[in-house]
Amino acid sequence: MKHSFFNRLMWMLLIWGGSVLALFAVSMVFRLLMSAAGFKSH
């Protein structure tokens, strides 16, 4: 019982971390595109 709960928790952490990394990558790509287009952020 405890093993399945731990396994589920690990999967949730993996999915959460993956989504955070994906959002970070998308924001970095948009920042690169904006700077390449000439829009400078602060």
N, C-alpha and C. Protein backbone atom coordinates (compact mmCIF):
# COMPACT_ATOMS: atom_id res chain seq x y z
N MET A 1 0.84 -1.20 0.00
CA MET A 1 0.00 0.00 0.00
C MET A 1 0.88 1.25 0.00
N LYS A 2 1.88 1.26 0.88
CA LYS A 2 2.75 2.43 0.97
C LYS A 2 3.59 2.58 -0.30
N HIS A 3 3.96 1.45 -0.91
CA HIS A 3 4.79 1.51 -2.11
C HIS A 3 4.03 2.17 -3.26
N SER A 4 2.76 1.82 -3.43
CA SER A 4 1.98 2.41 -4.53
C SER A 4 1.80 3.91 -4.31
N PHE A 5 1.62 4.32 -3.05
CA PHE A 5 1.46 5.74 -2.76
C PHE A 5 2.75 6.49 -3.11
N PHE A 6 3.89 5.91 -2.75
CA PHE A 6 5.18 6.53 -3.05
C PHE A 6 5.40 6.61 -4.56
N ASN A 7 5.00 5.54 -5.25
CA ASN A 7 5.14 5.50 -6.70
C ASN A 7 4.29 6.60 -7.33
N ARG A 8 3.06 6.76 -6.85
CA ARG A 8 2.17 7.79 -7.39
C ARG A 8 2.74 9.18 -7.13
N LEU A 9 3.33 9.36 -5.94
CA LEU A 9 3.91 10.66 -5.59
C LEU A 9 5.08 10.97 -6.52
N MET A 10 5.91 9.97 -6.81
CA MET A 10 7.05 10.18 -7.70
C MET A 10 6.58 10.56 -9.10
N TRP A 11 5.51 9.89 -9.57
CA TRP A 11 4.99 10.22 -10.91
C TRP A 11 4.46 11.64 -10.94
N MET A 12 3.77 12.06 -9.87
CA MET A 12 3.23 13.42 -9.83
C MET A 12 4.37 14.43 -9.85
N LEU A 13 5.45 14.14 -9.09
CA LEU A 13 6.60 15.06 -9.07
C LEU A 13 7.26 15.11 -10.44
N LEU A 14 7.37 13.97 -11.11
CA LEU A 14 7.99 13.93 -12.43
C LEU A 14 7.18 14.76 -13.43
N ILE A 15 5.86 14.58 -13.40
CA ILE A 15 5.00 15.31 -14.34
C ILE A 15 5.04 16.82 -14.04
N TRP A 16 5.03 17.16 -12.74
CA TRP A 16 5.07 18.57 -12.36
C TRP A 16 6.39 19.19 -12.80
N GLY A 17 7.49 18.50 -12.54
CA GLY A 17 8.81 19.00 -12.94
C GLY A 17 8.90 19.14 -14.45
N GLY A 18 8.34 18.18 -15.18
CA GLY A 18 8.39 18.24 -16.64
C GLY A 18 7.61 19.43 -17.17
N SER A 19 6.46 19.70 -16.57
CA SER A 19 5.65 20.83 -17.04
C SER A 19 6.35 22.15 -16.72
N VAL A 20 7.01 22.23 -15.57
CA VAL A 20 7.73 23.44 -15.20
C VAL A 20 8.89 23.67 -16.17
N LEU A 21 9.62 22.58 -16.49
CA LEU A 21 10.74 22.70 -17.43
C LEU A 21 10.24 23.11 -18.82
N ALA A 22 9.09 22.56 -19.23
CA ALA A 22 8.54 22.90 -20.55
C ALA A 22 8.15 24.38 -20.59
N LEU A 23 7.53 24.87 -19.53
CA LEU A 23 7.14 26.28 -19.49
C LEU A 23 8.37 27.17 -19.52
N PHE A 24 9.42 26.78 -18.79
CA PHE A 24 10.65 27.55 -18.76
C PHE A 24 11.29 27.59 -20.14
N ALA A 25 11.30 26.45 -20.83
CA ALA A 25 11.90 26.38 -22.18
C ALA A 25 11.11 27.26 -23.15
N VAL A 26 9.78 27.22 -23.06
CA VAL A 26 8.94 28.03 -23.96
C VAL A 26 9.18 29.52 -23.70
N SER A 27 9.29 29.90 -22.43
CA SER A 27 9.53 31.31 -22.11
C SER A 27 10.90 31.76 -22.62
N MET A 28 11.90 30.88 -22.51
CA MET A 28 13.23 31.23 -23.01
C MET A 28 13.21 31.39 -24.53
N VAL A 29 12.49 30.50 -25.22
CA VAL A 29 12.40 30.59 -26.68
C VAL A 29 11.71 31.89 -27.08
N PHE A 30 10.62 32.24 -26.37
CA PHE A 30 9.92 33.48 -26.69
C PHE A 30 10.81 34.69 -26.43
N ARG A 31 11.61 34.63 -25.35
CA ARG A 31 12.51 35.73 -25.05
C ARG A 31 13.55 35.88 -26.14
N LEU A 32 14.08 34.75 -26.63
CA LEU A 32 15.07 34.79 -27.71
C LEU A 32 14.44 35.36 -28.98
N LEU A 33 13.21 34.93 -29.29
CA LEU A 33 12.54 35.44 -30.48
C LEU A 33 12.28 36.93 -30.37
N MET A 34 11.86 37.39 -29.19
CA MET A 34 11.57 38.80 -29.02
C MET A 34 12.84 39.63 -29.14
N SER A 35 13.94 39.16 -28.55
CA SER A 35 15.20 39.91 -28.64
C SER A 35 15.71 39.89 -30.07
N ALA A 36 15.48 38.80 -30.80
CA ALA A 36 15.92 38.70 -32.19
C ALA A 36 15.08 39.65 -33.05
N ALA A 37 13.81 39.86 -32.68
CA ALA A 37 12.94 40.75 -33.45
C ALA A 37 13.22 42.21 -33.13
N GLY A 38 13.96 42.46 -32.04
CA GLY A 38 14.33 43.85 -31.72
C GLY A 38 13.63 44.38 -30.48
N PHE A 39 12.77 43.57 -29.86
CA PHE A 39 12.10 44.01 -28.64
C PHE A 39 12.97 43.64 -27.44
N LYS A 40 13.54 44.62 -26.81
CA LYS A 40 14.41 44.36 -25.66
C LYS A 40 13.60 44.41 -24.38
N SER A 41 13.72 43.35 -23.55
CA SER A 41 13.09 43.39 -22.24
C SER A 41 14.09 43.97 -21.27
N HIS A 42 13.63 44.88 -20.45
CA HIS A 42 14.40 45.59 -19.43
C HIS A 42 15.87 45.17 -19.36
